[in-house]
Amino acid sequence: MSKEAMVLSRSSSDAPPAVQEWLHLALSAPVRRRALRYVLIVGAILITINHGDALLHGDVSTGRLIRIGLTLLVPYLVSTFSSVAAMLEAQRPKGE
């Protein structure tokens, strides 16, 4: 069973159809690949801006690593949310 199928069967069996569709799109391979590309590019830029000095000086505490992880999460989530929104908009009949 794929990761997507496991998550969907576990978490969305009682969810409304709109949530199930959103999760299905968000966990699809094209959306995940696009989000990971943005993480690599935008995440690296954000880490350099926000944590570059500290990393160059060896300040790599647990707190800093958590903040770096959150820094990487932001472009992933933005890309995922915008991709799913665009896909749902494209599926909507014209004029609605």
PDB file of N, CA and C in Angstrom:
ATOM      1  N   MET A   1       0.852  -1.179   0.000  1.00  0.00           N
ATOM      2  CA  MET A   1       0.000   0.000   0.000  1.00  0.00           C
ATOM      3  C   MET A   1       0.894   1.237   0.000  1.00  0.00           C
ATOM      4  N   SER A   2       0.588   2.211  -0.841  1.00  0.00           N
ATOM      5  CA  SER A   2       1.392   3.430  -0.928  1.00  0.00           C
ATOM      6  C   SER A   2       1.185   4.293   0.307  1.00  0.00           C
ATOM      7  N   LYS A   3       2.137   5.188   0.527  1.00  0.00           N
ATOM      8  CA  LYS A   3       2.039   6.116   1.661  1.00  0.00           C
ATOM      9  C   LYS A   3       0.760   6.939   1.552  1.00  0.00           C
ATOM     10  N   GLU A   4       0.471   7.401   0.339  1.00  0.00           N
ATOM     11  CA  GLU A   4      -0.733   8.200   0.117  1.00  0.00           C
ATOM     12  C   GLU A   4      -1.975   7.412   0.491  1.00  0.00           C
ATOM     13  N   ALA A   5      -2.055   6.172   0.069  1.00  0.00           N
ATOM     14  CA  ALA A   5      -3.224   5.349   0.357  1.00  0.00           C
ATOM     15  C   ALA A   5      -3.361   5.087   1.846  1.00  0.00           C
ATOM     16  N   MET A   6      -2.226   4.856   2.537  1.00  0.00           N
ATOM     17  CA  MET A   6      -2.274   4.620   3.981  1.00  0.00           C
ATOM     18  C   MET A   6      -2.786   5.843   4.718  1.00  0.00           C
ATOM     19  N   VAL A   7      -2.282   7.025   4.350  1.00  0.00           N
ATOM     20  CA  VAL A   7      -2.725   8.251   5.009  1.00  0.00           C
ATOM     21  C   VAL A   7      -4.196   8.489   4.742  1.00  0.00           C
ATOM     22  N   LEU A   8      -4.611   8.310   3.500  1.00  0.00           N
ATOM     23  CA  LEU A   8      -6.007   8.548   3.156  1.00  0.00           C
ATOM     24  C   LEU A   8      -6.940   7.564   3.852  1.00  0.00           C
ATOM     25  N   SER A   9      -6.561   6.277   3.905  1.00  0.00           N
ATOM     26  CA  SER A   9      -7.444   5.302   4.530  1.00  0.00           C
ATOM     27  C   SER A   9      -7.515   5.498   6.036  1.00  0.00           C
ATOM     28  N   ARG A  10      -6.435   5.968   6.629  1.00  0.00           N
ATOM     29  CA  ARG A  10      -6.386   6.142   8.072  1.00  0.00           C
ATOM     30  C   ARG A  10      -7.072   7.419   8.521  1.00  0.00           C
ATOM     31  N   SER A  11      -6.816   8.533   7.823  1.00  0.00           N
ATOM     32  CA  SER A  11      -7.241   9.827   8.352  1.00  0.00           C
ATOM     33  C   SER A  11      -8.494  10.401   7.705  1.00  0.00           C
ATOM     34  N   SER A  12      -8.850   9.955   6.522  1.00  0.00           N
ATOM     35  CA  SER A  12      -9.943  10.645   5.846  1.00  0.00           C
ATOM     36  C   SER A  12     -11.177   9.791   5.630  1.00  0.00           C
ATOM     37  N   SER A  13     -11.223   8.611   6.229  1.00  0.00           N
ATOM     38  CA  SER A  13     -12.392   7.766   6.007  1.00  0.00           C
ATOM     39  C   SER A  13     -13.665   8.426   6.527  1.00  0.00           C
ATOM     40  N   ASP A  14     -13.555   9.225   7.575  1.00  0.00           N
ATOM     41  CA  ASP A  14     -14.709   9.933   8.112  1.00  0.00           C
ATOM     42  C   ASP A  14     -14.757  11.395   7.671  1.00  0.00           C
ATOM     43  N   ALA A  15     -13.793  11.810   6.896  1.00  0.00           N
ATOM     44  CA  ALA A  15     -13.706  13.209   6.482  1.00  0.00           C
ATOM     45  C   ALA A  15     -14.713  13.487   5.361  1.00  0.00           C
ATOM     46  N   PRO A  16     -15.146  14.738   5.274  1.00  0.00           N
ATOM     47  CA  PRO A  16     -16.046  15.116   4.170  1.00  0.00           C
ATOM     48  C   PRO A  16     -15.350  14.921   2.818  1.00  0.00           C
ATOM     49  N   PRO A  17     -16.127  14.721   1.754  1.00  0.00           N
ATOM     50  CA  PRO A  17     -15.540  14.499   0.428  1.00  0.00           C
ATOM     51  C   PRO A  17     -14.581  15.601  -0.016  1.00  0.00           C
ATOM     52  N   ALA A  18     -14.870  16.851   0.334  1.00  0.00           N
ATOM     53  CA  ALA A  18     -13.983  17.946  -0.071  1.00  0.00           C
ATOM     54  C   ALA A  18     -12.609  17.806   0.582  1.00  0.00           C
ATOM     55  N   VAL A  19     -12.588  17.371   1.837  1.00  0.00           N
ATOM     56  CA  VAL A  19     -11.314  17.165   2.537  1.00  0.00           C
ATOM     57  C   VAL A  19     -10.578  15.983   1.930  1.00  0.00           C
ATOM     58  N   GLN A  20     -11.302  14.923   1.611  1.00  0.00           N
ATOM     59  CA  GLN A  20     -10.681  13.756   0.980  1.00  0.00           C
ATOM     60  C   GLN A  20     -10.051  14.135  -0.354  1.00  0.00           C
ATOM     61  N   GLU A  21     -10.762  14.917  -1.144  1.00  0.00           N
ATOM     62  CA  GLU A  21     -10.220  15.350  -2.439  1.00  0.00           C
ATOM     63  C   GLU A  21      -8.985  16.217  -2.239  1.00  0.00           C
ATOM     64  N   TRP A  22      -9.040  17.146  -1.263  1.00  0.00           N
ATOM     65  CA  TRP A  22      -7.902  18.023  -0.993  1.00  0.00           C
ATOM     66  C   TRP A  22      -6.683  17.194  -0.591  1.00  0.00           C
ATOM     67  N   LEU A  23      -6.874  16.232   0.309  1.00  0.00           N
ATOM     68  CA  LEU A  23      -5.758  15.381   0.733  1.00  0.00           C
ATOM     69  C   LEU A  23      -5.212  14.549  -0.418  1.00  0.00           C
ATOM     70  N   HIS A  24      -6.122  14.030  -1.235  1.00  0.00           N
ATOM     71  CA  HIS A  24      -5.685  13.234  -2.388  1.00  0.00           C
ATOM     72  C   HIS A  24      -4.780  14.066  -3.303  1.00  0.00           C
ATOM     73  N   LEU A  25      -5.181  15.296  -3.583  1.00  0.00           N
ATOM     74  CA  LEU A  25      -4.369  16.171  -4.432  1.00  0.00           C
ATOM     75  C   LEU A  25      -3.066  16.566  -3.738  1.00  0.00           C
ATOM     76  N   ALA A  26      -3.135  16.919  -2.461  1.00  0.00           N
ATOM     77  CA  ALA A  26      -1.944  17.371  -1.733  1.00  0.00           C
ATOM     78  C   ALA A  26      -0.898  16.280  -1.616  1.00  0.00           C
ATOM     79  N   LEU A  27      -1.332  15.017  -1.556  1.00  0.00           N
ATOM     80  CA  LEU A  27      -0.391  13.912  -1.409  1.00  0.00           C
ATOM     81  C   LEU A  27       0.011  13.287  -2.743  1.00  0.00           C
ATOM     82  N   SER A  28      -0.496  13.834  -3.840  1.00  0.00           N
ATOM     83  CA  SER A  28      -0.156  13.278  -5.153  1.00  0.00           C
ATOM     84  C   SER A  28       1.307  13.552  -5.482  1.00  0.00           C
ATOM     85  N   ALA A  29       1.881  12.681  -6.259  1.00  0.00           N
ATOM     86  CA  ALA A  29       3.307  12.778  -6.597  1.00  0.00           C
ATOM     87  C   ALA A  29       3.688  14.108  -7.258  1.00  0.00           C
ATOM     88  N   PRO A  30       2.920  14.606  -8.235  1.00  0.00           N
ATOM     89  CA  PRO A  30       3.326  15.877  -8.859  1.00  0.00           C
ATOM     90  C   PRO A  30       3.357  17.044  -7.875  1.00  0.00           C
ATOM     91  N   VAL A  31       2.393  17.095  -6.969  1.00  0.00           N
ATOM     92  CA  VAL A  31       2.350  18.192  -5.993  1.00  0.00           C
ATOM     93  C   VAL A  31       3.522  18.065  -5.025  1.00  0.00           C
ATOM     94  N   ARG A  32       3.799  16.850  -4.561  1.00  0.00           N
ATOM     95  CA  ARG A  32       4.930  16.655  -3.641  1.00  0.00           C
ATOM     96  C   ARG A  32       6.263  16.993  -4.315  1.00  0.00           C
ATOM     97  N   ARG A  33       6.423  16.573  -5.581  1.00  0.00           N
ATOM     98  CA  ARG A  33       7.677  16.880  -6.301  1.00  0.00           C
ATOM     99  C   ARG A  33       7.870  18.378  -6.464  1.00  0.00           C
ATOM    100  N   ARG A  34       6.807  19.073  -6.840  1.00  0.00           N
ATOM    101  CA  ARG A  34       6.878  20.528  -7.016  1.00  0.00           C
ATOM    102  C   ARG A  34       7.232  21.196  -5.682  1.00  0.00           C
ATOM    103  N   ALA A  35       6.588  20.775  -4.617  1.00  0.00           N
ATOM    104  CA  ALA A  35       6.860  21.364  -3.298  1.00  0.00           C
ATOM    105  C   ALA A  35       8.306  21.108  -2.875  1.00  0.00           C
ATOM    106  N   LEU A  36       8.821  19.929  -3.143  1.00  0.00           N
ATOM    107  CA  LEU A  36      10.215  19.628  -2.773  1.00  0.00           C
ATOM    108  C   LEU A  36      11.199  20.468  -3.575  1.00  0.00           C
ATOM    109  N   ARG A  37      10.881  20.742  -4.837  1.00  0.00           N
ATOM    110  CA  ARG A  37      11.753  21.630  -5.628  1.00  0.00           C
ATOM    111  C   ARG A  37      11.796  23.020  -5.001  1.00  0.00           C
ATOM    112  N   TYR A  38      10.640  23.510  -4.572  1.00  0.00           N
ATOM    113  CA  TYR A  38      10.601  24.827  -3.926  1.00  0.00           C
ATOM    114  C   TYR A  38      11.346  24.822  -2.595  1.00  0.00           C
ATOM    115  N   VAL A  39      11.250  23.733  -1.869  1.00  0.00           N
ATOM    116  CA  VAL A  39      11.991  23.634  -0.606  1.00  0.00           C
ATOM    117  C   VAL A  39      13.486  23.758  -0.871  1.00  0.00           C
ATOM    118  N   LEU A  40      13.972  23.078  -1.885  1.00  0.00           N
ATOM    119  CA  LEU A  40      15.406  23.120  -2.181  1.00  0.00           C
ATOM    120  C   LEU A  40      15.868  24.524  -2.551  1.00  0.00           C
ATOM    121  N   ILE A  41      15.088  25.217  -3.349  1.00  0.00           N
ATOM    122  CA  ILE A  41      15.500  26.540  -3.821  1.00  0.00           C
ATOM    123  C   ILE A  41      15.177  27.621  -2.789  1.00  0.00           C
ATOM    124  N   VAL A  42      13.899  27.777  -2.469  1.00  0.00           N
ATOM    125  CA  VAL A  42      13.470  28.844  -1.568  1.00  0.00           C
ATOM    126  C   VAL A  42      13.971  28.565  -0.148  1.00  0.00           C
ATOM    127  N   GLY A  43      13.922  27.313   0.271  1.00  0.00           N
ATOM    128  CA  GLY A  43      14.396  26.961   1.608  1.00  0.00           C
ATOM    129  C   GLY A  43      15.861  27.303   1.805  1.00  0.00           C
ATOM    130  N   ALA A  44      16.690  27.006   0.804  1.00  0.00           N
ATOM    131  CA  ALA A  44      18.121  27.330   0.908  1.00  0.00           C
ATOM    132  C   ALA A  44      18.332  28.836   1.023  1.00  0.00           C
ATOM    133  N   ILE A  45      17.560  29.597   0.261  1.00  0.00           N
ATOM    134  CA  ILE A  45      17.674  31.061   0.335  1.00  0.00           C
ATOM    135  C   ILE A  45      17.249  31.555   1.708  1.00  0.00           C
ATOM    136  N   LEU A  46      16.114  31.052   2.218  1.00  0.00           N
ATOM    137  CA  LEU A  46      15.629  31.489   3.526  1.00  0.00           C
ATOM    138  C   LEU A  46      16.586  31.097   4.655  1.00  0.00           C
ATOM    139  N   ILE A  47      17.154  29.903   4.571  1.00  0.00           N
ATOM    140  CA  ILE A  47      18.116  29.476   5.599  1.00  0.00           C
ATOM    141  C   ILE A  47      19.336  30.370   5.567  1.00  0.00           C
ATOM    142  N   THR A  48      19.811  30.694   4.382  1.00  0.00           N
ATOM    143  CA  THR A  48      20.972  31.582   4.267  1.00  0.00           C
ATOM    144  C   THR A  48      20.676  32.950   4.867  1.00  0.00           C
ATOM    145  N   ILE A  49      19.505  33.498   4.554  1.00  0.00           N
ATOM    146  CA  ILE A  49      19.139  34.820   5.073  1.00  0.00           C
ATOM    147  C   ILE A  49      18.943  34.779   6.583  1.00  0.00           C
ATOM    148  N   ASN A  50      18.173  33.808   7.059  1.00  0.00           N
ATOM    149  CA  ASN A  50      17.773  33.794   8.462  1.00  0.00           C
ATOM    150  C   ASN A  50      18.782  33.154   9.409  1.00  0.00           C
ATOM    151  N   HIS A  51      19.596  32.228   8.923  1.00  0.00           N
ATOM    152  CA  HIS A  51      20.468  31.468   9.816  1.00  0.00           C
ATOM    153  C   HIS A  51      21.921  31.420   9.354  1.00  0.00           C
ATOM    154  N   GLY A  52      22.231  32.081   8.249  1.00  0.00           N
ATOM    155  CA  GLY A  52      23.572  31.995   7.675  1.00  0.00           C
ATOM    156  C   GLY A  52      24.680  32.385   8.628  1.00  0.00           C
ATOM    157  N   ASP A  53      24.556  33.539   9.286  1.00  0.00           N
ATOM    158  CA  ASP A  53      25.599  33.994  10.221  1.00  0.00           C
ATOM    159  C   ASP A  53      25.815  32.994  11.345  1.00  0.00           C
ATOM    160  N   ALA A  54      24.729  32.537  11.924  1.00  0.00           N
ATOM    161  CA  ALA A  54      24.838  31.592  13.043  1.00  0.00           C
ATOM    162  C   ALA A  54      25.491  30.286  12.584  1.00  0.00           C
ATOM    163  N   LEU A  55      25.118  29.808  11.406  1.00  0.00           N
ATOM    164  CA  LEU A  55      25.714  28.566  10.907  1.00  0.00           C
ATOM    165  C   LEU A  55      27.200  28.738  10.632  1.00  0.00           C
ATOM    166  N   LEU A  56      27.584  29.892  10.094  1.00  0.00           N
ATOM    167  CA  LEU A  56      29.003  30.143   9.837  1.00  0.00           C
ATOM    168  C   LEU A  56      29.821  30.209  11.125  1.00  0.00           C
ATOM    169  N   HIS A  57      29.176  30.611  12.221  1.00  0.00           N
ATOM    170  CA  HIS A  57      29.862  30.703  13.509  1.00  0.00           C
ATOM    171  C   HIS A  57      29.705  29.434  14.341  1.00  0.00           C
ATOM    172  N   GLY A  58      29.114  28.408  13.765  1.00  0.00           N
ATOM    173  CA  GLY A  58      28.992  27.128  14.459  1.00  0.00           C
ATOM    174  C   GLY A  58      27.873  27.044  15.480  1.00  0.00           C
ATOM    175  N   ASP A  59      26.944  27.983  15.465  1.00  0.00           N
ATOM    176  CA  ASP A  59      25.823  27.962  16.399  1.00  0.00           C
ATOM    177  C   ASP A  59      24.733  27.048  15.842  1.00  0.00           C
ATOM    178  N   VAL A  60      24.875  25.759  16.101  1.00  0.00           N
ATOM    179  CA  VAL A  60      23.934  24.769  15.577  1.00  0.00           C
ATOM    180  C   VAL A  60      23.292  24.042  16.764  1.00  0.00           C
ATOM    181  N   SER A  61      22.503  24.766  17.515  1.00  0.00           N
ATOM    182  CA  SER A  61      21.821  24.187  18.671  1.00  0.00           C
ATOM    183  C   SER A  61      20.573  23.441  18.212  1.00  0.00           C
ATOM    184  N   THR A  62      19.983  22.729  19.127  1.00  0.00           N
ATOM    185  CA  THR A  62      18.742  22.022  18.830  1.00  0.00           C
ATOM    186  C   THR A  62      17.649  23.015  18.443  1.00  0.00           C
ATOM    187  N   GLY A  63      17.576  24.123  19.165  1.00  0.00           N
ATOM    188  CA  GLY A  63      16.593  25.157  18.844  1.00  0.00           C
ATOM    189  C   GLY A  63      16.782  25.698  17.443  1.00  0.00           C
ATOM    190  N   ARG A  64      18.032  25.910  17.058  1.00  0.00           N
ATOM    191  CA  ARG A  64      18.325  26.412  15.710  1.00  0.00           C
ATOM    192  C   ARG A  64      17.895  25.383  14.669  1.00  0.00           C
ATOM    193  N   LEU A  65      18.167  24.109  14.906  1.00  0.00           N
ATOM    194  CA  LEU A  65      17.783  23.068  13.949  1.00  0.00           C
ATOM    195  C   LEU A  65      16.263  22.981  13.804  1.00  0.00           C
ATOM    196  N   ILE A  66      15.548  23.176  14.907  1.00  0.00           N
ATOM    197  CA  ILE A  66      14.082  23.187  14.834  1.00  0.00           C
ATOM    198  C   ILE A  66      13.605  24.372  13.999  1.00  0.00           C
ATOM    199  N   ARG A  67      14.216  25.552  14.217  1.00  0.00           N
ATOM    200  CA  ARG A  67      13.833  26.730  13.432  1.00  0.00           C
ATOM    201  C   ARG A  67      14.170  26.540  11.950  1.00  0.00           C
ATOM    202  N   ILE A  68      15.285  25.884  11.658  1.00  0.00           N
ATOM    203  CA  ILE A  68      15.637  25.597  10.264  1.00  0.00           C
ATOM    204  C   ILE A  68      14.599  24.656   9.655  1.00  0.00           C
ATOM    205  N   GLY A  69      14.182  23.646  10.405  1.00  0.00           N
ATOM    206  CA  GLY A  69      13.137  22.743   9.917  1.00  0.00           C
ATOM    207  C   GLY A  69      11.841  23.478   9.617  1.00  0.00           C
ATOM    208  N   LEU A  70      11.469  24.397  10.501  1.00  0.00           N
ATOM    209  CA  LEU A  70      10.264  25.196  10.268  1.00  0.00           C
ATOM    210  C   LEU A  70      10.439  26.115   9.065  1.00  0.00           C
ATOM    211  N   THR A  71      11.651  26.631   8.886  1.00  0.00           N
ATOM    212  CA  THR A  71      11.952  27.476   7.725  1.00  0.00           C
ATOM    213  C   THR A  71      11.741  26.683   6.437  1.00  0.00           C
ATOM    214  N   LEU A  72      12.118  25.408   6.429  1.00  0.00           N
ATOM    215  CA  LEU A  72      11.932  24.565   5.252  1.00  0.00           C
ATOM    216  C   LEU A  72      10.465  24.184   5.052  1.00  0.00           C
ATOM    217  N   LEU A  73       9.730  24.079   6.146  1.00  0.00           N
ATOM    218  CA  LEU A  73       8.324  23.700   6.067  1.00  0.00           C
ATOM    219  C   LEU A  73       7.476  24.771   5.370  1.00  0.00           C
ATOM    220  N   VAL A  74       7.835  26.023   5.547  1.00  0.00           N
ATOM    221  CA  VAL A  74       7.033  27.121   4.987  1.00  0.00           C
ATOM    222  C   VAL A  74       6.927  27.041   3.461  1.00  0.00           C
ATOM    223  N   PRO A  75       8.033  26.969   2.695  1.00  0.00           N
ATOM    224  CA  PRO A  75       7.852  26.892   1.237  1.00  0.00           C
ATOM    225  C   PRO A  75       7.159  25.604   0.793  1.00  0.00           C
ATOM    226  N   TYR A  76       7.341  24.511   1.540  1.00  0.00           N
ATOM    227  CA  TYR A  76       6.649  23.265   1.202  1.00  0.00           C
ATOM    228  C   TYR A  76       5.136  23.460   1.316  1.00  0.00           C
ATOM    229  N   LEU A  77       4.708  24.042   2.431  1.00  0.00           N
ATOM    230  CA  LEU A  77       3.277  24.241   2.644  1.00  0.00           C
ATOM    231  C   LEU A  77       2.689  25.254   1.676  1.00  0.00           C
ATOM    232  N   VAL A  78       3.402  26.339   1.428  1.00  0.00           N
ATOM    233  CA  VAL A  78       2.905  27.356   0.484  1.00  0.00           C
ATOM    234  C   VAL A  78       2.743  26.742  -0.905  1.00  0.00           C
ATOM    235  N   SER A  79       3.729  25.984  -1.348  1.00  0.00           N
ATOM    236  CA  SER A  79       3.644  25.353  -2.660  1.00  0.00           C
ATOM    237  C   SER A  79       2.499  24.350  -2.716  1.00  0.00           C
ATOM    238  N   THR A  80       2.359  23.544  -1.679  1.00  0.00           N
ATOM    239  CA  THR A  80       1.293  22.537  -1.651  1.00  0.00           C
ATOM    240  C   THR A  80      -0.082  23.185  -1.666  1.00  0.00           C
ATOM    241  N   PHE A  81      -0.286  24.175  -0.791  1.00  0.00           N
ATOM    242  CA  PHE A  81      -1.593  24.839  -0.733  1.00  0.00           C
ATOM    243  C   PHE A  81      -1.925  25.529  -2.050  1.00  0.00           C
ATOM    244  N   SER A  82      -0.950  26.215  -2.651  1.00  0.00           N
ATOM    245  CA  SER A  82      -1.236  26.923  -3.900  1.00  0.00           C
ATOM    246  C   SER A  82      -1.449  25.947  -5.055  1.00  0.00           C
ATOM    247  N   SER A  83      -0.715  24.842  -5.083  1.00  0.00           N
ATOM    248  CA  SER A  83      -0.907  23.844  -6.143  1.00  0.00           C
ATOM    249  C   SER A  83      -2.289  23.218  -6.055  1.00  0.00           C
ATOM    250  N   VAL A  84      -2.694  22.829  -4.854  1.00  0.00           N
ATOM    251  CA  VAL A  84      -4.011  22.217  -4.685  1.00  0.00           C
ATOM    252  C   VAL A  84      -5.107  23.222  -5.036  1.00  0.00           C
ATOM    253  N   ALA A  85      -4.947  24.457  -4.601  1.00  0.00           N
ATOM    254  CA  ALA A  85      -5.952  25.480  -4.922  1.00  0.00           C
ATOM    255  C   ALA A  85      -6.065  25.664  -6.433  1.00  0.00           C
ATOM    256  N   ALA A  86      -4.948  25.696  -7.138  1.00  0.00           N
ATOM    257  CA  ALA A  86      -4.977  25.859  -8.595  1.00  0.00           C
ATOM    258  C   ALA A  86      -5.626  24.650  -9.266  1.00  0.00           C
ATOM    259  N   MET A  87      -5.335  23.458  -8.771  1.00  0.00           N
ATOM    260  CA  MET A  87      -5.924  22.249  -9.351  1.00  0.00           C
ATOM    261  C   MET A  87      -7.438  22.219  -9.124  1.00  0.00           C
ATOM    262  N   LEU A  88      -7.870  22.604  -7.937  1.00  0.00           N
ATOM    263  CA  LEU A  88      -9.310  22.642  -7.659  1.00  0.00           C
ATOM    264  C   LEU A  88     -10.004  23.709  -8.499  1.00  0.00           C
ATOM    265  N   GLU A  89      -9.354  24.844  -8.667  1.00  0.00           N
ATOM    266  CA  GLU A  89      -9.909  25.922  -9.493  1.00  0.00           C
ATOM    267  C   GLU A  89     -10.044  25.471 -10.948  1.00  0.00           C
ATOM    268  N   ALA A  90      -9.065  24.731 -11.441  1.00  0.00           N
ATOM    269  CA  ALA A  90      -9.098  24.257 -12.833  1.00  0.00           C
ATOM    270  C   ALA A  90     -10.204  23.236 -13.032  1.00  0.00           C
ATOM    271  N   GLN A  91     -10.572  22.498 -11.987  1.00  0.00           N
ATOM    272  CA  GLN A  91     -11.627  21.476 -12.091  1.00  0.00           C
ATOM    273  C   GLN A  91     -13.027  22.103 -12.046  1.00  0.00           C
ATOM    274  N   ARG A  92     -13.122  23.308 -11.483  1.00  0.00           N
ATOM    275  CA  ARG A  92     -14.415  23.964 -11.315  1.00  0.00           C
ATOM    276  C   ARG A  92     -14.970  24.379 -12.682  1.00  0.00           C
ATOM    277  N   PRO A  93     -16.249  24.161 -12.911  1.00  0.00           N
ATOM    278  CA  PRO A  93     -16.841  24.614 -14.182  1.00  0.00           C
ATOM    279  C   PRO A  93     -16.730  26.132 -14.328  1.00  0.00           C
ATOM    280  N   LYS A  94     -16.557  26.587 -15.545  1.00  0.00           N
ATOM    281  CA  LYS A  94     -16.450  28.029 -15.810  1.00  0.00           C
ATOM    282  C   LYS A  94     -17.738  28.715 -15.403  1.00  0.00           C
ATOM    283  N   GLY A  95     -17.604  29.910 -14.826  1.00  0.00           N
ATOM    284  CA  GLY A  95     -18.765  30.691 -14.444  1.00  0.00           C
ATOM    285  C   GLY A  95     -19.208  30.512 -13.011  1.00  0.00           C
ATOM    286  N   GLU A  96     -18.570  29.624 -12.270  1.00  0.00           N
ATOM    287  CA  GLU A  96     -18.955  29.438 -10.860  1.00  0.00           C
ATOM    288  C   GLU A  96     -18.125  30.296  -9.967  1.00  0.00           C
TER     289      GLU A  96
END
